Amino acid sequence: LEESEEVVQRDPLTPQELYRGIQGDYKRLYLWTGDIDPALYDASCVFTDPTLSFKGLATFQKNLANLRPIIDRLVTEYDVELYS
């Protein structure tokens, strides 16, 4: 774990809670805004897309925060569609 990461013990989410939480992340346009619900993710989860992969919720949040100024400067309108 990185210095800033804490291990938080919590009750597991039900599939319905997880689904609603992920829907909320998409409604908040998390891919563009970085606004995620950290309670949905394990501190050591792995994030993967077609171009890269990295481990850790804190790393994901840091990457989103680092991208935000670039996104704000270059993207004026954004949208996300959740298909299922």
Protein backbone atom coordinates (compact mmCIF):
# COMPACT_ATOMS: atom_id res chain seq x y z
CA LEU A 1 0.00 0.00 0.00
CA GLU A 2 1.06 3.55 -0.67
CA GLU A 3 1.40 5.91 2.27
CA SER A 4 -1.90 7.63 1.50
CA GLU A 5 -3.88 4.39 1.19
CA GLU A 6 -5.77 2.94 4.11
CA VAL A 7 -7.24 -0.50 4.39
CA VAL A 8 -10.91 0.04 5.09
CA GLN A 9 -12.97 -2.88 6.27
CA ARG A 10 -16.54 -2.70 5.06
CA ASP A 11 -19.43 -4.99 4.41
CA PRO A 12 -19.52 -6.31 0.86
CA LEU A 13 -21.89 -4.54 -1.48
CA THR A 14 -24.80 -6.46 -2.89
CA PRO A 15 -24.84 -6.81 -6.68
CA GLN A 16 -27.71 -4.30 -6.78
CA GLU A 17 -25.76 -1.76 -4.69
CA LEU A 18 -22.72 -2.17 -6.90
CA TYR A 19 -24.81 -1.80 -10.06
CA ARG A 20 -26.51 1.36 -8.76
CA GLY A 21 -23.15 2.74 -7.67
CA ILE A 22 -21.57 2.18 -11.08
CA GLN A 23 -24.61 3.74 -12.73
CA GLY A 24 -24.06 6.76 -10.48
CA ASP A 25 -20.40 7.00 -11.53
CA TYR A 26 -21.49 7.02 -15.17
CA LYS A 27 -24.24 9.59 -14.54
CA ARG A 28 -21.59 11.82 -12.93
CA LEU A 29 -19.53 11.34 -16.13
CA TYR A 30 -16.64 9.94 -14.12
CA LEU A 31 -14.53 9.27 -17.23
CA TRP A 32 -14.42 13.03 -17.80
CA THR A 33 -14.88 14.45 -14.30
CA GLY A 34 -13.03 11.91 -12.16
CA ASP A 35 -16.02 11.90 -9.80
CA ILE A 36 -16.20 8.29 -8.63
CA ASP A 37 -17.65 6.65 -5.54
CA PRO A 38 -14.53 5.14 -3.94
CA ALA A 39 -16.70 2.83 -1.79
CA LEU A 40 -17.35 0.79 -4.95
CA TYR A 41 -13.71 -0.20 -5.42
CA ASP A 42 -11.22 -2.23 -3.45
CA ALA A 43 -8.04 -0.34 -2.55
CA SER A 44 -5.99 -2.83 -4.60
CA CYS A 45 -8.31 -3.20 -7.60
CA VAL A 46 -6.86 -3.27 -11.11
CA PHE A 47 -8.07 -0.78 -13.73
CA THR A 48 -7.59 -1.84 -17.34
CA ASP A 49 -8.56 -0.34 -20.66
CA PRO A 50 -7.33 -1.04 -24.18
CA THR A 51 -4.26 1.20 -23.76
CA LEU A 52 -3.01 0.65 -20.20
CA SER A 53 -3.49 -1.08 -16.88
CA PHE A 54 -2.63 -0.08 -13.32
CA LYS A 55 -3.32 -1.25 -9.80
CA GLY A 56 -4.86 0.62 -6.90
CA LEU A 57 -7.76 2.95 -6.24
CA ALA A 58 -5.41 5.72 -5.09
CA THR A 59 -3.47 5.45 -8.37
CA PHE A 60 -6.69 5.63 -10.36
CA GLN A 61 -7.83 8.71 -8.46
CA LYS A 62 -4.41 10.34 -8.87
CA ASN A 63 -4.42 9.62 -12.62
CA LEU A 64 -7.90 11.12 -12.98
CA ALA A 65 -6.85 14.23 -11.03
CA ASN A 66 -3.74 14.63 -13.21
CA LEU A 67 -5.81 14.39 -16.40
CA ARG A 68 -8.50 16.81 -15.27
CA PRO A 69 -6.69 20.07 -16.23
CA ILE A 70 -5.99 18.70 -19.71
CA ILE A 71 -9.56 17.51 -20.17
CA ASP A 72 -10.95 20.83 -18.93
CA ARG A 73 -8.76 22.72 -21.40
CA LEU A 74 -9.44 20.54 -24.46
CA VAL A 75 -12.94 19.13 -24.04
CA THR A 76 -15.91 21.48 -23.86
CA GLU A 77 -18.74 18.98 -24.21
CA TYR A 78 -18.63 15.40 -23.04
CA ASP A 79 -20.99 12.52 -22.53
CA VAL A 80 -20.91 8.89 -21.47
CA GLU A 81 -23.40 6.19 -22.43
CA LEU A 82 -23.94 3.14 -20.27
CA TYR A 83 -25.38 0.38 -22.42
CA SER A 84 -26.38 -2.12 -19.75
